[in-house]
């Protein structure tokens, strides 16, 4: 199916999560529409994954758009955001 609402071409978001110089393993990484609380979002697309031991992460099949990257560290449960 070829339609603007269902793009075939999608991208990938990759990065590395560090706190100071220390890689952050097993943190939840969430890519969602800009909003004050990703948990309250009911519309739009969300992509999530976990960081590896070296702090790297990769989110695949991401549709074009504007997103905020949310991070929930494994040990604190507090949310960190970045655009």
Protein backbone atom coordinates (compact mmCIF):
# COMPACT_ATOMS: atom_id res chain seq x y z
CA UNK A 1 0.00 0.00 0.00
CA UNK A 2 1.35 3.42 -0.93
CA UNK A 3 -0.25 6.24 1.07
CA UNK A 4 1.06 9.35 2.87
CA UNK A 5 -0.43 8.15 6.17
CA UNK A 6 1.51 4.87 5.91
CA UNK A 7 5.03 5.75 4.71
CA UNK A 8 7.18 2.88 3.50
CA UNK A 9 10.44 4.73 4.11
CA UNK A 10 11.20 5.05 7.80
CA UNK A 11 14.29 5.95 9.73
CA UNK A 12 16.34 4.94 12.70
CA UNK A 13 17.26 6.87 15.83
CA UNK A 14 20.57 5.83 17.40
CA UNK A 15 22.53 7.22 20.29
CA UNK A 16 24.51 6.59 23.42
CA UNK A 17 23.40 7.47 26.93
CA UNK A 18 26.09 8.62 29.31
CA UNK A 19 25.99 10.10 32.78
CA UNK A 20 29.22 12.03 32.97
CA UNK A 21 31.56 9.62 31.20
CA UNK A 22 29.80 6.47 32.45
CA UNK A 23 27.55 4.49 30.06
CA UNK A 24 24.01 3.97 31.37
CA UNK A 25 22.93 0.36 30.82
CA UNK A 26 19.36 -0.94 30.75
CA UNK A 27 17.70 2.49 30.76
CA UNK A 28 14.32 2.78 29.02
CA UNK A 29 14.53 5.10 25.98
CA UNK A 30 11.21 6.41 24.63
CA UNK A 31 10.65 8.49 21.52
CA UNK A 32 7.22 10.14 21.54
CA UNK A 33 5.42 13.29 20.42
CA UNK A 34 6.44 16.44 22.33
CA UNK A 35 4.28 16.54 25.47
CA UNK A 36 4.76 17.16 29.18
CA UNK A 37 4.18 13.47 30.02
CA UNK A 38 4.77 10.58 27.61
CA UNK A 39 2.62 8.31 29.77
CA UNK A 40 -0.45 10.50 29.18
CA UNK A 41 -0.18 10.39 25.40
CA UNK A 42 -2.91 8.52 23.60
CA UNK A 43 -2.32 9.73 20.05
CA UNK A 44 0.65 9.60 17.74
CA UNK A 45 3.47 7.14 17.54
CA UNK A 46 5.79 5.99 20.30
CA UNK A 47 8.98 3.97 19.96
CA UNK A 48 10.90 2.48 22.85
CA UNK A 49 13.83 0.27 23.71
CA UNK A 50 16.56 -0.27 26.28
CA UNK A 51 20.17 0.82 26.32
CA UNK A 52 22.89 -1.82 26.00
CA UNK A 53 25.76 -2.31 28.47
CA UNK A 54 27.79 0.37 26.65
CA UNK A 55 24.87 2.85 26.78
CA UNK A 56 24.00 2.58 23.09
CA UNK A 57 20.43 2.33 21.83
CA UNK A 58 18.67 2.03 18.50
CA UNK A 59 15.01 2.67 17.67
CA UNK A 60 14.00 1.29 14.28
CA UNK A 61 11.19 1.97 11.80
CA UNK A 62 10.64 5.55 13.04
CA UNK A 63 8.23 7.65 11.03
CA UNK A 64 9.30 11.18 10.06
CA UNK A 65 8.13 13.81 12.52
CA UNK A 66 8.95 15.83 15.62
CA UNK A 67 9.59 13.86 18.78
CA UNK A 68 10.93 14.20 22.29
CA UNK A 69 13.37 11.62 23.61
CA UNK A 70 12.50 10.48 27.13
CA UNK A 71 14.84 8.40 29.30
CA UNK A 72 13.87 6.47 32.41
CA UNK A 73 17.06 5.32 34.17
CA UNK A 74 16.90 1.77 35.46
CA UNK A 75 17.69 2.64 39.07
CA UNK A 76 15.75 5.87 39.73
CA UNK A 77 12.49 5.82 37.80
CA UNK A 78 12.80 9.60 37.20
CA UNK A 79 12.23 10.84 33.66
CA UNK A 80 14.78 12.87 31.71
CA UNK A 81 13.73 14.58 28.46
CA UNK A 82 15.50 16.03 25.46
CA UNK A 83 14.32 17.27 22.07
